[in-house]
Amino acid sequence: MFDGGLIPLIFMAAVAIVVLSIFFSFVPVMLWISALASGVRVGIITLVAMRLRRVVPSRIVNPLIKARKAGLEMDTNQLESHYLAGGNVDRVIDALVAAQRADIPLGFERAAAIDLAGRDVLEAVQMSVNPKVIETPVVAAMAKDGIELRTKAKVTVRANIDRLVGGAGEETVIARVGEGIVSTIGSSESHKDVLENPDMISKSVLNRGLDAGTAFEILSIDIADVDVGKNIGAELQTDQAEADKRIAQAKAEERRAMAVATEQEMKARVQEMKAKVVEAEAQVPIALADALKSGKLGVMDYYNLQNIAADTQMRESFGVPADKSQPEEEQD
């Protein structure tokens, strides 16, 4: 059995534990102690105010300790305002420390602006110290002699801190370099000139000032590979010859169709003329009958005409071959 006097003590101890837990969870005492041990004076009230402003105190105090240890003069208001704006405070401090070690002039406001612009400010500082190599995709271009050259280049760039905000990115640099390669190869008289001296591409492209308006400074452009591709000029000539042949065939077919149409038209006219001849021949018996009735033609005259017609038919049959002189029924 428990003693009745212990129950109030246990209750008070439990309440004290709960109160202390709530106090230490709301007031970052350990963080305050770490700041004091690092020589950074941050008041308890300041840390509590951060909690009230929905700011994680460790996201401010730890970068502030890092900055003070590196010799950078920062205050909590600067870091807190950048945090509330949606920036990465720790990355900005790392970038400032790296810039200080590399003797690169970079202030907090500039670093914060670069970070809020969506660029990795630490990577930019590192790229300023250690230039980055960008490899372009294969760029195909055709020289004046019609031979295609497939080129791949490596562009060494260094980040330009002053142009990181508002400057174009890597895609723009790659596109401009590709455009310069195509223009240089296209202005070459022969593909052999490019193969013999690939440096002409890099020199020509580098002199164009392709890094204007970008967030980078182009240090060098090196041609990594040049391959000979297709004979585009010959293919274009072949395609043109094939197109000319098809056009000529179409015109010839058009003339043939017109000739066939003309032939059919002439055959129709021949049949029309034959019909007129038959019509005219049909008038002969009628005229003979009228002549007999009117007495202008005698019977003997009629018989003489018949004899002349029979004699003419016989003479015509002498000049016709035997197979053609037979009636069509017998030939079948």
C-alpha atoms as a PDB file:
ATOM      1  CA  MET A   1       0.000   0.000   0.000  1.00  0.00           C
ATOM      2  CA  PHE A   2       1.253   3.482  -1.040  1.00  0.00           C
ATOM      3  CA  ASP A   3       1.581   6.143   1.553  1.00  0.00           C
ATOM      4  CA  GLY A   4      -0.997   8.895   1.044  1.00  0.00           C
ATOM      5  CA  GLY A   5       1.667  11.612   1.197  1.00  0.00           C
ATOM      6  CA  LEU A   6       3.550  10.290  -1.823  1.00  0.00           C
ATOM      7  CA  ILE A   7       0.666  10.770  -4.247  1.00  0.00           C
ATOM      8  CA  PRO A   8       0.877  14.618  -4.262  1.00  0.00           C
ATOM      9  CA  LEU A   9       4.647  14.417  -4.743  1.00  0.00           C
ATOM     10  CA  ILE A  10       4.321  12.058  -7.693  1.00  0.00           C
ATOM     11  CA  PHE A  11       1.665  14.292  -9.213  1.00  0.00           C
ATOM     12  CA  MET A  12       3.801  17.410  -8.801  1.00  0.00           C
ATOM     13  CA  ALA A  13       6.815  15.595 -10.292  1.00  0.00           C
ATOM     14  CA  ALA A  14       4.762  14.542 -13.329  1.00  0.00           C
ATOM     15  CA  VAL A  15       3.469  18.082 -13.784  1.00  0.00           C
ATOM     16  CA  ALA A  16       6.992  19.445 -13.520  1.00  0.00           C
ATOM     17  CA  ILE A  17       8.252  16.983 -16.115  1.00  0.00           C
ATOM     18  CA  VAL A  18       5.452  17.931 -18.509  1.00  0.00           C
ATOM     19  CA  VAL A  19       6.068  21.643 -17.981  1.00  0.00           C
ATOM     20  CA  LEU A  20       9.796  21.257 -18.524  1.00  0.00           C
ATOM     21  CA  SER A  21       9.203  19.194 -21.660  1.00  0.00           C
ATOM     22  CA  ILE A  22       6.926  21.855 -23.078  1.00  0.00           C
ATOM     23  CA  PHE A  23       9.404  24.577 -22.099  1.00  0.00           C
ATOM     24  CA  PHE A  24      12.421  22.886 -23.666  1.00  0.00           C
ATOM     25  CA  SER A  25      10.464  21.982 -26.825  1.00  0.00           C
ATOM     26  CA  PHE A  26       9.375  25.590 -27.260  1.00  0.00           C
ATOM     27  CA  VAL A  27      12.531  27.309 -26.045  1.00  0.00           C
ATOM     28  CA  PRO A  28      15.671  25.927 -27.803  1.00  0.00           C
ATOM     29  CA  VAL A  29      17.930  26.059 -24.778  1.00  0.00           C
ATOM     30  CA  MET A  30      20.484  23.642 -26.218  1.00  0.00           C
ATOM     31  CA  LEU A  31      20.741  25.731 -29.386  1.00  0.00           C
ATOM     32  CA  TRP A  32      21.216  28.845 -27.241  1.00  0.00           C
ATOM     33  CA  ILE A  33      24.012  27.102 -25.330  1.00  0.00           C
ATOM     34  CA  SER A  34      25.698  26.040 -28.590  1.00  0.00           C
ATOM     35  CA  ALA A  35      25.564  29.629 -29.864  1.00  0.00           C
ATOM     36  CA  LEU A  36      27.108  30.964 -26.646  1.00  0.00           C
ATOM     37  CA  ALA A  37      29.845  28.330 -26.794  1.00  0.00           C
ATOM     38  CA  SER A  38      30.619  29.411 -30.368  1.00  0.00           C
ATOM     39  CA  GLY A  39      30.839  33.067 -29.441  1.00  0.00           C
ATOM     40  CA  VAL A  40      27.555  34.028 -31.094  1.00  0.00           C
ATOM     41  CA  ARG A  41      25.296  35.997 -28.801  1.00  0.00           C
ATOM     42  CA  VAL A  42      21.659  35.212 -29.468  1.00  0.00           C
ATOM     43  CA  GLY A  43      19.129  35.910 -26.766  1.00  0.00           C
ATOM     44  CA  ILE A  44      16.526  33.454 -25.550  1.00  0.00           C
ATOM     45  CA  ILE A  45      13.841  35.982 -26.347  1.00  0.00           C
ATOM     46  CA  THR A  46      15.106  36.183 -29.944  1.00  0.00           C
ATOM     47  CA  LEU A  47      14.862  32.402 -30.304  1.00  0.00           C
ATOM     48  CA  VAL A  48      11.353  32.394 -28.849  1.00  0.00           C
ATOM     49  CA  ALA A  49      10.367  35.197 -31.248  1.00  0.00           C
ATOM     50  CA  MET A  50      11.606  33.047 -34.125  1.00  0.00           C
ATOM     51  CA  ARG A  51       9.287  30.288 -32.953  1.00  0.00           C
ATOM     52  CA  LEU A  52       6.406  32.734 -32.911  1.00  0.00           C
ATOM     53  CA  ARG A  53       7.247  33.857 -36.463  1.00  0.00           C
ATOM     54  CA  ARG A  54       7.252  30.197 -37.561  1.00  0.00           C
ATOM     55  CA  VAL A  55      10.959  30.216 -38.216  1.00  0.00           C
ATOM     56  CA  VAL A  56      13.012  27.152 -37.318  1.00  0.00           C
ATOM     57  CA  PRO A  57      15.727  28.591 -35.038  1.00  0.00           C
ATOM     58  CA  SER A  58      18.302  25.962 -36.030  1.00  0.00           C
ATOM     59  CA  ARG A  59      17.992  27.050 -39.691  1.00  0.00           C
ATOM     60  CA  ILE A  60      19.177  30.517 -38.625  1.00  0.00           C
ATOM     61  CA  VAL A  61      21.538  29.927 -35.722  1.00  0.00           C
ATOM     62  CA  ASN A  62      23.631  27.130 -37.240  1.00  0.00           C
ATOM     63  CA  PRO A  63      24.416  29.090 -40.467  1.00  0.00           C
ATOM     64  CA  LEU A  64      25.084  32.162 -38.302  1.00  0.00           C
ATOM     65  CA  ILE A  65      27.621  30.188 -36.242  1.00  0.00           C
ATOM     66  CA  LYS A  66      29.249  28.974 -39.466  1.00  0.00           C
ATOM     67  CA  ALA A  67      29.456  32.539 -40.833  1.00  0.00           C
ATOM     68  CA  ARG A  68      30.931  33.976 -37.601  1.00  0.00           C
ATOM     69  CA  LYS A  69      33.539  31.220 -37.456  1.00  0.00           C
ATOM     70  CA  ALA A  70      34.512  32.061 -41.056  1.00  0.00           C
ATOM     71  CA  GLY A  71      34.876  35.733 -40.173  1.00  0.00           C
ATOM     72  CA  LEU A  72      31.714  36.948 -41.908  1.00  0.00           C
ATOM     73  CA  GLU A  73      29.679  39.666 -40.241  1.00  0.00           C
ATOM     74  CA  MET A  74      26.061  38.538 -40.285  1.00  0.00           C
ATOM     75  CA  ASP A  75      23.068  39.122 -38.081  1.00  0.00           C
ATOM     76  CA  THR A  76      19.929  37.168 -37.469  1.00  0.00           C
ATOM     77  CA  ASN A  77      17.704  39.712 -39.216  1.00  0.00           C
ATOM     78  CA  GLN A  78      19.438  39.179 -42.594  1.00  0.00           C
ATOM     79  CA  LEU A  79      19.285  35.406 -42.367  1.00  0.00           C
ATOM     80  CA  GLU A  80      15.731  35.373 -41.072  1.00  0.00           C
ATOM     81  CA  SER A  81      14.458  37.656 -43.829  1.00  0.00           C
ATOM     82  CA  HIS A  82      16.057  35.438 -46.470  1.00  0.00           C
ATOM     83  CA  TYR A  83      14.543  32.348 -44.835  1.00  0.00           C
ATOM     84  CA  LEU A  84      11.073  33.914 -44.793  1.00  0.00           C
ATOM     85  CA  ALA A  85      11.486  34.819 -48.483  1.00  0.00           C
ATOM     86  CA  GLY A  86      11.887  31.119 -49.285  1.00  0.00           C
ATOM     87  CA  GLY A  87      15.660  31.020 -49.662  1.00  0.00           C
ATOM     88  CA  ASN A  88      18.181  28.431 -48.539  1.00  0.00           C
ATOM     89  CA  VAL A  89      20.144  30.156 -45.787  1.00  0.00           C
ATOM     90  CA  ASP A  90      22.661  27.374 -45.278  1.00  0.00           C
ATOM     91  CA  ARG A  91      23.544  27.261 -48.992  1.00  0.00           C
ATOM     92  CA  VAL A  92      23.990  31.029 -49.155  1.00  0.00           C
ATOM     93  CA  ILE A  93      26.367  30.996 -46.164  1.00  0.00           C
ATOM     94  CA  ASP A  94      28.350  28.124 -47.698  1.00  0.00           C
ATOM     95  CA  ALA A  95      28.634  30.116 -50.926  1.00  0.00           C
ATOM     96  CA  LEU A  96      29.807  33.221 -49.079  1.00  0.00           C
ATOM     97  CA  VAL A  97      32.430  31.230 -47.185  1.00  0.00           C
ATOM     98  CA  ALA A  98      33.649  29.598 -50.401  1.00  0.00           C
ATOM     99  CA  ALA A  99      33.780  32.984 -52.159  1.00  0.00           C
ATOM    100  CA  GLN A 100      35.772  34.479 -49.276  1.00  0.00           C
ATOM    101  CA  ARG A 101      38.272  31.623 -49.387  1.00  0.00           C
ATOM    102  CA  ALA A 102      38.627  31.991 -53.171  1.00  0.00           C
ATOM    103  CA  ASP A 103      38.940  35.793 -52.941  1.00  0.00           C
ATOM    104  CA  ILE A 104      35.806  36.315 -55.053  1.00  0.00           C
ATOM    105  CA  PRO A 105      33.874  39.523 -54.280  1.00  0.00           C
ATOM    106  CA  LEU A 106      30.393  38.385 -53.280  1.00  0.00           C
ATOM    107  CA  GLY A 107      28.099  40.109 -50.823  1.00  0.00           C
ATOM    108  CA  PHE A 108      25.171  38.675 -48.909  1.00  0.00           C
ATOM    109  CA  GLU A 109      22.571  40.629 -50.891  1.00  0.00           C
ATOM    110  CA  ARG A 110      23.972  39.402 -54.213  1.00  0.00           C
ATOM    111  CA  ALA A 111      24.172  35.803 -52.970  1.00  0.00           C
ATOM    112  CA  ALA A 112      20.616  35.973 -51.623  1.00  0.00           C
ATOM    113  CA  ALA A 113      19.338  37.383 -54.914  1.00  0.00           C
ATOM    114  CA  ILE A 114      21.032  34.573 -56.869  1.00  0.00           C
ATOM    115  CA  ASP A 115      19.547  31.978 -54.515  1.00  0.00           C
ATOM    116  CA  LEU A 116      16.047  33.444 -54.768  1.00  0.00           C
ATOM    117  CA  ALA A 117      16.379  33.511 -58.566  1.00  0.00           C
ATOM    118  CA  GLY A 118      16.476  29.723 -58.486  1.00  0.00           C
ATOM    119  CA  ARG A 119      20.177  29.225 -59.188  1.00  0.00           C
ATOM    120  CA  ASP A 120      22.568  27.259 -57.029  1.00  0.00           C
ATOM    121  CA  VAL A 121      24.803  30.019 -55.697  1.00  0.00           C
ATOM    122  CA  LEU A 122      27.261  27.549 -54.133  1.00  0.00           C
ATOM    123  CA  GLU A 123      27.658  25.727 -57.434  1.00  0.00           C
ATOM    124  CA  ALA A 124      28.175  29.082 -59.165  1.00  0.00           C
ATOM    125  CA  VAL A 125      30.991  29.990 -56.791  1.00  0.00           C
ATOM    126  CA  GLN A 126      32.562  26.572 -57.225  1.00  0.00           C
ATOM    127  CA  MET A 127      32.299  26.944 -61.011  1.00  0.00           C
ATOM    128  CA  SER A 128      34.035  30.305 -60.784  1.00  0.00           C
ATOM    129  CA  VAL A 129      36.958  28.596 -59.069  1.00  0.00           C
ATOM    130  CA  ASN A 130      36.853  25.355 -61.063  1.00  0.00           C
ATOM    131  CA  PRO A 131      35.528  25.958 -64.621  1.00  0.00           C
ATOM    132  CA  LYS A 132      32.973  23.523 -65.976  1.00  0.00           C
ATOM    133  CA  VAL A 133      33.195  21.656 -69.282  1.00  0.00           C
ATOM    134  CA  ILE A 134      29.969  21.508 -71.307  1.00  0.00           C
ATOM    135  CA  GLU A 135      29.853  18.925 -74.091  1.00  0.00           C
ATOM    136  CA  THR A 136      27.654  19.791 -77.040  1.00  0.00           C
ATOM    137  CA  PRO A 137      25.612  17.190 -78.897  1.00  0.00           C
ATOM    138  CA  VAL A 138      26.654  16.136 -82.382  1.00  0.00           C
ATOM    139  CA  VAL A 139      26.244  19.104 -84.732  1.00  0.00           C
ATOM    140  CA  ALA A 140      25.756  18.282 -88.429  1.00  0.00           C
ATOM    141  CA  ALA A 141      26.705  20.933 -91.008  1.00  0.00           C
ATOM    142  CA  MET A 142      27.441  20.934 -94.738  1.00  0.00           C
ATOM    143  CA  ALA A 143      30.401  22.598 -96.438  1.00  0.00           C
ATOM    144  CA  LYS A 144      30.126  24.322 -99.814  1.00  0.00           C
ATOM    145  CA  ASP A 145      31.289  21.178-101.641  1.00  0.00           C
ATOM    146  CA  GLY A 146      28.178  19.331-100.402  1.00  0.00           C
ATOM    147  CA  ILE A 147      29.900  17.046 -97.873  1.00  0.00           C
ATOM    148  CA  GLU A 148      28.329  16.764 -94.423  1.00  0.00           C
ATOM    149  CA  LEU A 149      30.534  17.025 -91.320  1.00  0.00           C
ATOM    150  CA  ARG A 150      29.372  15.840 -87.896  1.00  0.00           C
ATOM    151  CA  THR A 151      31.128  17.748 -85.126  1.00  0.00           C
ATOM    152  CA  LYS A 152      31.181  17.516 -81.337  1.00  0.00           C
ATOM    153  CA  ALA A 153      32.706  20.286 -79.204  1.00  0.00           C
ATOM    154  CA  LYS A 154      33.632  20.778 -75.552  1.00  0.00           C
ATOM    155  CA  VAL A 155      33.013  24.260 -74.147  1.00  0.00           C
ATOM    156  CA  THR A 156      34.891  25.322 -71.018  1.00  0.00           C
ATOM    157  CA  VAL A 157      32.878  27.928 -69.129  1.00  0.00           C
ATOM    158  CA  ARG A 158      33.241  29.822 -65.877  1.00  0.00           C
ATOM    159  CA  ALA A 159      30.319  31.234 -63.933  1.00  0.00           C
ATOM    160  CA  ASN A 160      29.927  35.002 -64.095  1.00  0.00           C
ATOM    161  CA  ILE A 161      28.641  36.044 -60.665  1.00  0.00           C
ATOM    162  CA  ASP A 162      27.502  39.464 -61.880  1.00  0.00           C
ATOM    163  CA  ARG A 163      25.292  37.971 -64.617  1.00  0.00           C
ATOM    164  CA  LEU A 164      23.823  35.020 -62.741  1.00  0.00           C
ATOM    165  CA  VAL A 165      20.627  36.960 -62.101  1.00  0.00           C
ATOM    166  CA  GLY A 166      18.889  37.385 -65.453  1.00  0.00           C
ATOM    167  CA  GLY A 167      21.610  35.655 -67.496  1.00  0.00           C
ATOM    168  CA  ALA A 168      20.911  32.801 -69.915  1.00  0.00           C
ATOM    169  CA  GLY A 169      21.817  29.238 -68.958  1.00  0.00           C
ATOM    170  CA  GLU A 170      23.756  26.339 -70.431  1.00  0.00           C
ATOM    171  CA  GLU A 171      21.135  25.610 -73.093  1.00  0.00           C
ATOM    172  CA  THR A 172      21.688  29.025 -74.648  1.00  0.00           C
ATOM    173  CA  VAL A 173      25.466  28.551 -74.689  1.00  0.00           C
ATOM    174  CA  ILE A 174      25.108  25.131 -76.355  1.00  0.00           C
ATOM    175  CA  ALA A 175      22.685  26.528 -78.938  1.00  0.00           C
ATOM    176  CA  ARG A 176      24.968  29.458 -79.788  1.00  0.00           C
ATOM    177  CA  VAL A 177      28.034  27.223 -80.099  1.00  0.00           C
ATOM    178  CA  GLY A 178      26.101  24.872 -82.380  1.00  0.00           C
ATOM    179  CA  GLU A 179      24.991  27.798 -84.516  1.00  0.00           C
ATOM    180  CA  GLY A 180      28.586  29.039 -84.774  1.00  0.00           C
ATOM    181  CA  ILE A 181      29.823  25.583 -85.812  1.00  0.00           C
ATOM    182  CA  VAL A 182      27.186  25.307 -88.537  1.00  0.00           C
ATOM    183  CA  SER A 183      27.992  28.805 -89.819  1.00  0.00           C
ATOM    184  CA  THR A 184      31.762  28.166 -89.869  1.00  0.00           C
ATOM    185  CA  ILE A 185      31.509  24.828 -91.670  1.00  0.00           C
ATOM    186  CA  GLY A 186      28.917  26.207 -94.082  1.00  0.00           C
ATOM    187  CA  SER A 187      31.247  29.036 -95.121  1.00  0.00           C
ATOM    188  CA  SER A 188      34.149  26.644 -95.825  1.00  0.00           C
ATOM    189  CA  GLU A 189      34.891  25.993 -99.491  1.00  0.00           C
ATOM    190  CA  SER A 190      35.692  22.322 -98.891  1.00  0.00           C
ATOM    191  CA  HIS A 191      35.212  19.874 -96.066  1.00  0.00           C
ATOM    192  CA  LYS A 192      38.900  18.992 -96.390  1.00  0.00           C
ATOM    193  CA  ASP A 193      39.813  22.462 -95.106  1.00  0.00           C
ATOM    194  CA  VAL A 194      37.907  21.781 -91.902  1.00  0.00           C
ATOM    195  CA  LEU A 195      39.397  18.304 -91.497  1.00  0.00           C
ATOM    196  CA  GLU A 196      42.904  19.650 -91.997  1.00  0.00           C
ATOM    197  CA  ASN A 197      42.466  22.507 -89.541  1.00  0.00           C
ATOM    198  CA  PRO A 198      39.682  21.943 -86.957  1.00  0.00           C
ATOM    199  CA  ASP A 199      41.004  24.920 -84.981  1.00  0.00           C
ATOM    200  CA  MET A 200      39.374  27.205 -87.512  1.00  0.00           C
ATOM    201  CA  ILE A 201      36.008  26.230 -86.038  1.00  0.00           C
ATOM    202  CA  SER A 202      36.950  26.959 -82.431  1.00  0.00           C
ATOM    203  CA  LYS A 203      38.678  30.237 -83.306  1.00  0.00           C
ATOM    204  CA  SER A 204      35.789  31.448 -85.446  1.00  0.00           C
ATOM    205  CA  VAL A 205      33.170  30.509 -82.855  1.00  0.00           C
ATOM    206  CA  LEU A 206      35.158  31.930 -79.931  1.00  0.00           C
ATOM    207  CA  ASN A 207      35.532  35.301 -81.678  1.00  0.00           C
ATOM    208  CA  ARG A 208      31.765  35.698 -81.975  1.00  0.00           C
ATOM    209  CA  GLY A 209      31.297  36.633 -78.304  1.00  0.00           C
ATOM    210  CA  LEU A 210      28.758  33.915 -77.667  1.00  0.00           C
ATOM    211  CA  ASP A 211      28.755  34.458 -73.895  1.00  0.00           C
ATOM    212  CA  ALA A 212      27.075  37.868 -74.165  1.00  0.00           C
ATOM    213  CA  GLY A 213      23.951  37.965 -72.035  1.00  0.00           C
ATOM    214  CA  THR A 214      24.636  34.582 -70.433  1.00  0.00           C
ATOM    215  CA  ALA A 215      25.530  33.630 -66.883  1.00  0.00           C
ATOM    216  CA  PHE A 216      28.852  32.205 -68.040  1.00  0.00           C
ATOM    217  CA  GLU A 217      32.173  33.296 -69.458  1.00  0.00           C
ATOM    218  CA  ILE A 218      33.460  31.069 -72.251  1.00  0.00           C
ATOM    219  CA  LEU A 219      37.128  30.281 -71.712  1.00  0.00           C
ATOM    220  CA  SER A 220      37.739  27.920 -74.628  1.00  0.00           C
ATOM    221  CA  ILE A 221      35.975  25.889 -77.288  1.00  0.00           C
ATOM    222  CA  ASP A 222      37.697  22.641 -78.227  1.00  0.00           C
ATOM    223  CA  ILE A 223      36.638  20.423 -81.129  1.00  0.00           C
ATOM    224  CA  ALA A 224      36.439  16.921 -79.667  1.00  0.00           C
ATOM    225  CA  ASP A 225      35.487  14.992 -82.809  1.00  0.00           C
ATOM    226  CA  VAL A 226      34.894  15.613 -86.533  1.00  0.00           C
ATOM    227  CA  ASP A 227      33.415  12.864 -88.724  1.00  0.00           C
ATOM    228  CA  VAL A 228      32.528  12.875 -92.408  1.00  0.00           C
ATOM    229  CA  GLY A 229      28.834  12.234 -92.978  1.00  0.00           C
ATOM    230  CA  LYS A 230      26.735  11.964 -96.098  1.00  0.00           C
ATOM    231  CA  ASN A 231      27.346  13.552 -99.487  1.00  0.00           C
ATOM    232  CA  ILE A 232      24.380  15.878 -99.199  1.00  0.00           C
ATOM    233  CA  GLY A 233      25.195  17.688-102.453  1.00  0.00           C
ATOM    234  CA  ALA A 234      25.118  14.455-104.470  1.00  0.00           C
ATOM    235  CA  GLU A 235      21.876  13.398-102.795  1.00  0.00           C
ATOM    236  CA  LEU A 236      20.290  16.748-103.608  1.00  0.00           C
ATOM    237  CA  GLN A 237      21.385  16.465-107.243  1.00  0.00           C
ATOM    238  CA  THR A 238      20.029  12.910-107.408  1.00  0.00           C
ATOM    239  CA  ASP A 239      16.725  13.993-105.947  1.00  0.00           C
ATOM    240  CA  GLN A 240      16.564  16.901-108.401  1.00  0.00           C
ATOM    241  CA  ALA A 241      17.302  14.575-111.347  1.00  0.00           C
ATOM    242  CA  GLU A 242      14.608  12.175-110.154  1.00  0.00           C
ATOM    243  CA  ALA A 243      12.152  15.047-109.869  1.00  0.00           C
ATOM    244  CA  ASP A 244      13.053  16.266-113.386  1.00  0.00           C
ATOM    245  CA  LYS A 245      12.553  12.729-114.736  1.00  0.00           C
ATOM    246  CA  ARG A 246       9.134  12.495-113.163  1.00  0.00           C
ATOM    247  CA  ILE A 247       8.182  15.865-114.601  1.00  0.00           C
ATOM    248  CA  ALA A 248       9.364  14.781-118.071  1.00  0.00           C
ATOM    249  CA  GLN A 249       7.413  11.522-117.756  1.00  0.00           C
ATOM    250  CA  ALA A 250       4.300  13.419-116.747  1.00  0.00           C
ATOM    251  CA  LYS A 251       4.645  15.765-119.719  1.00  0.00           C
ATOM    252  CA  ALA A 252       5.250  12.832-122.099  1.00  0.00           C
ATOM    253  CA  GLU A 253       2.188  11.077-120.734  1.00  0.00           C
ATOM    254  CA  GLU A 254       0.224  14.258-121.240  1.00  0.00           C
ATOM    255  CA  ARG A 255       1.364  14.484-124.885  1.00  0.00           C
ATOM    256  CA  ARG A 256       0.538  10.792-125.450  1.00  0.00           C
ATOM    257  CA  ALA A 257      -2.947  11.287-124.029  1.00  0.00           C
ATOM    258  CA  MET A 258      -3.454  14.288-126.286  1.00  0.00           C
ATOM    259  CA  ALA A 259      -2.277  12.252-129.284  1.00  0.00           C
ATOM    260  CA  VAL A 260      -4.656   9.420-128.431  1.00  0.00           C
ATOM    261  CA  ALA A 261      -7.492  11.892-128.054  1.00  0.00           C
ATOM    262  CA  THR A 262      -6.642  13.464-131.416  1.00  0.00           C
ATOM    263  CA  GLU A 263      -6.527  10.014-133.044  1.00  0.00           C
ATOM    264  CA  GLN A 264      -9.938   9.118-131.680  1.00  0.00           C
ATOM    265  CA  GLU A 265     -11.259  12.448-132.861  1.00  0.00           C
ATOM    266  CA  MET A 266      -9.960  11.816-136.391  1.00  0.00           C
ATOM    267  CA  LYS A 267     -11.506   8.333-136.417  1.00  0.00           C
ATOM    268  CA  ALA A 268     -14.812   9.880-135.433  1.00  0.00           C
ATOM    269  CA  ARG A 269     -14.528  12.372-138.275  1.00  0.00           C
ATOM    270  CA  VAL A 270     -13.713   9.553-140.731  1.00  0.00           C
ATOM    271  CA  GLN A 271     -16.853   7.709-139.661  1.00  0.00           C
ATOM    272  CA  GLU A 272     -18.786  10.899-140.040  1.00  0.00           C
ATOM    273  CA  MET A 273     -17.465  11.367-143.584  1.00  0.00           C
ATOM    274  CA  LYS A 274     -18.303   7.739-144.426  1.00  0.00           C
ATOM    275  CA  ALA A 275     -21.819   8.275-143.197  1.00  0.00           C
ATOM    276  CA  LYS A 276     -22.136  11.297-145.495  1.00  0.00           C
ATOM    277  CA  VAL A 277     -20.827   9.206-148.421  1.00  0.00           C
ATOM    278  CA  VAL A 278     -23.373   6.475-147.723  1.00  0.00           C
ATOM    279  CA  GLU A 279     -26.047   9.095-147.481  1.00  0.00           C
ATOM    280  CA  ALA A 280     -24.955  10.541-150.820  1.00  0.00           C
ATOM    281  CA  GLU A 281     -24.861   7.071-152.445  1.00  0.00           C
ATOM    282  CA  ALA A 282     -28.385   6.446-151.240  1.00  0.00           C
ATOM    283  CA  GLN A 283     -29.537   9.394-153.371  1.00  0.00           C
ATOM    284  CA  VAL A 284     -28.235   7.781-156.599  1.00  0.00           C
ATOM    285  CA  PRO A 285     -31.017   5.158-157.016  1.00  0.00           C
ATOM    286  CA  ILE A 286     -33.573   7.805-156.273  1.00  0.00           C
ATOM    287  CA  ALA A 287     -32.082  10.066-158.929  1.00  0.00           C
ATOM    288  CA  LEU A 288     -32.040   7.201-161.456  1.00  0.00           C
ATOM    289  CA  ALA A 289     -35.652   6.396-160.739  1.00  0.00           C
ATOM    290  CA  ASP A 290     -36.623  10.036-161.272  1.00  0.00           C
ATOM    291  CA  ALA A 291     -34.621  10.115-164.510  1.00  0.00           C
ATOM    292  CA  LEU A 292     -36.408   6.982-165.791  1.00  0.00           C
ATOM    293  CA  LYS A 293     -39.781   8.400-164.900  1.00  0.00           C
ATOM    294  CA  SER A 294     -39.075  11.712-166.551  1.00  0.00           C
ATOM    295  CA  GLY A 295     -37.656  10.056-169.692  1.00  0.00           C
ATOM    296  CA  LYS A 296     -34.258  11.608-169.293  1.00  0.00           C
ATOM    297  CA  LEU A 297     -32.725   8.136-168.981  1.00  0.00           C
ATOM    298  CA  GLY A 298     -33.581   5.162-171.165  1.00  0.00           C
ATOM    299  CA  VAL A 299     -33.640   1.497-170.262  1.00  0.00           C
ATOM    300  CA  MET A 300     -30.544   0.793-172.289  1.00  0.00           C
ATOM    301  CA  ASP A 301     -28.725   3.575-170.616  1.00  0.00           C
ATOM    302  CA  TYR A 302     -29.636   2.038-167.248  1.00  0.00           C
ATOM    303  CA  TYR A 303     -28.350  -1.372-168.319  1.00  0.00           C
ATOM    304  CA  ASN A 304     -25.146   0.159-169.577  1.00  0.00           C
ATOM    305  CA  LEU A 305     -24.626   1.789-166.145  1.00  0.00           C
ATOM    306  CA  GLN A 306     -25.203  -1.598-164.490  1.00  0.00           C
ATOM    307  CA  ASN A 307     -22.681  -3.258-166.769  1.00  0.00           C
ATOM    308  CA  ILE A 308     -20.111  -0.565-166.058  1.00  0.00           C
ATOM    309  CA  ALA A 309     -20.657  -0.989-162.289  1.00  0.00           C
ATOM    310  CA  ALA A 310     -20.303  -4.781-162.543  1.00  0.00           C
ATOM    311  CA  ASP A 311     -17.186  -4.457-164.677  1.00  0.00           C
ATOM    312  CA  THR A 312     -15.697  -1.990-162.132  1.00  0.00           C
ATOM    313  CA  GLN A 313     -16.440  -4.356-159.262  1.00  0.00           C
ATOM    314  CA  MET A 314     -14.813  -7.235-161.113  1.00  0.00           C
ATOM    315  CA  ARG A 315     -11.679  -5.214-161.808  1.00  0.00           C
ATOM    316  CA  GLU A 316     -11.454  -4.190-158.155  1.00  0.00           C
ATOM    317  CA  SER A 317     -11.700  -7.799-157.020  1.00  0.00           C
ATOM    318  CA  PHE A 318      -8.599  -8.698-159.061  1.00  0.00           C
ATOM    319  CA  GLY A 319      -6.417  -6.525-156.800  1.00  0.00           C
ATOM    320  CA  VAL A 320      -7.734  -7.891-153.480  1.00  0.00           C
ATOM    321  CA  PRO A 321      -6.017 -10.982-151.847  1.00  0.00           C
ATOM    322  CA  ALA A 322      -8.027 -14.177-151.693  1.00  0.00           C
ATOM    323  CA  ASP A 323      -8.452 -14.192-147.896  1.00  0.00           C
ATOM    324  CA  LYS A 324      -9.795 -10.610-147.952  1.00  0.00           C
ATOM    325  CA  SER A 325     -12.020 -11.175-151.021  1.00  0.00           C
ATOM    326  CA  GLN A 326     -13.955 -13.926-149.150  1.00  0.00           C
ATOM    327  CA  PRO A 327     -16.988 -12.922-147.158  1.00  0.00           C
ATOM    328  CA  GLU A 328     -16.559 -12.499-143.451  1.00  0.00           C
ATOM    329  CA  GLU A 329     -18.854 -15.490-142.743  1.00  0.00           C
ATOM    330  CA  GLU A 330     -16.603 -17.836-144.737  1.00  0.00           C
ATOM    331  CA  GLN A 331     -13.471 -16.539-142.952  1.00  0.00           C
ATOM    332  CA  ASP A 332     -15.014 -17.426-139.611  1.00  0.00           C
END
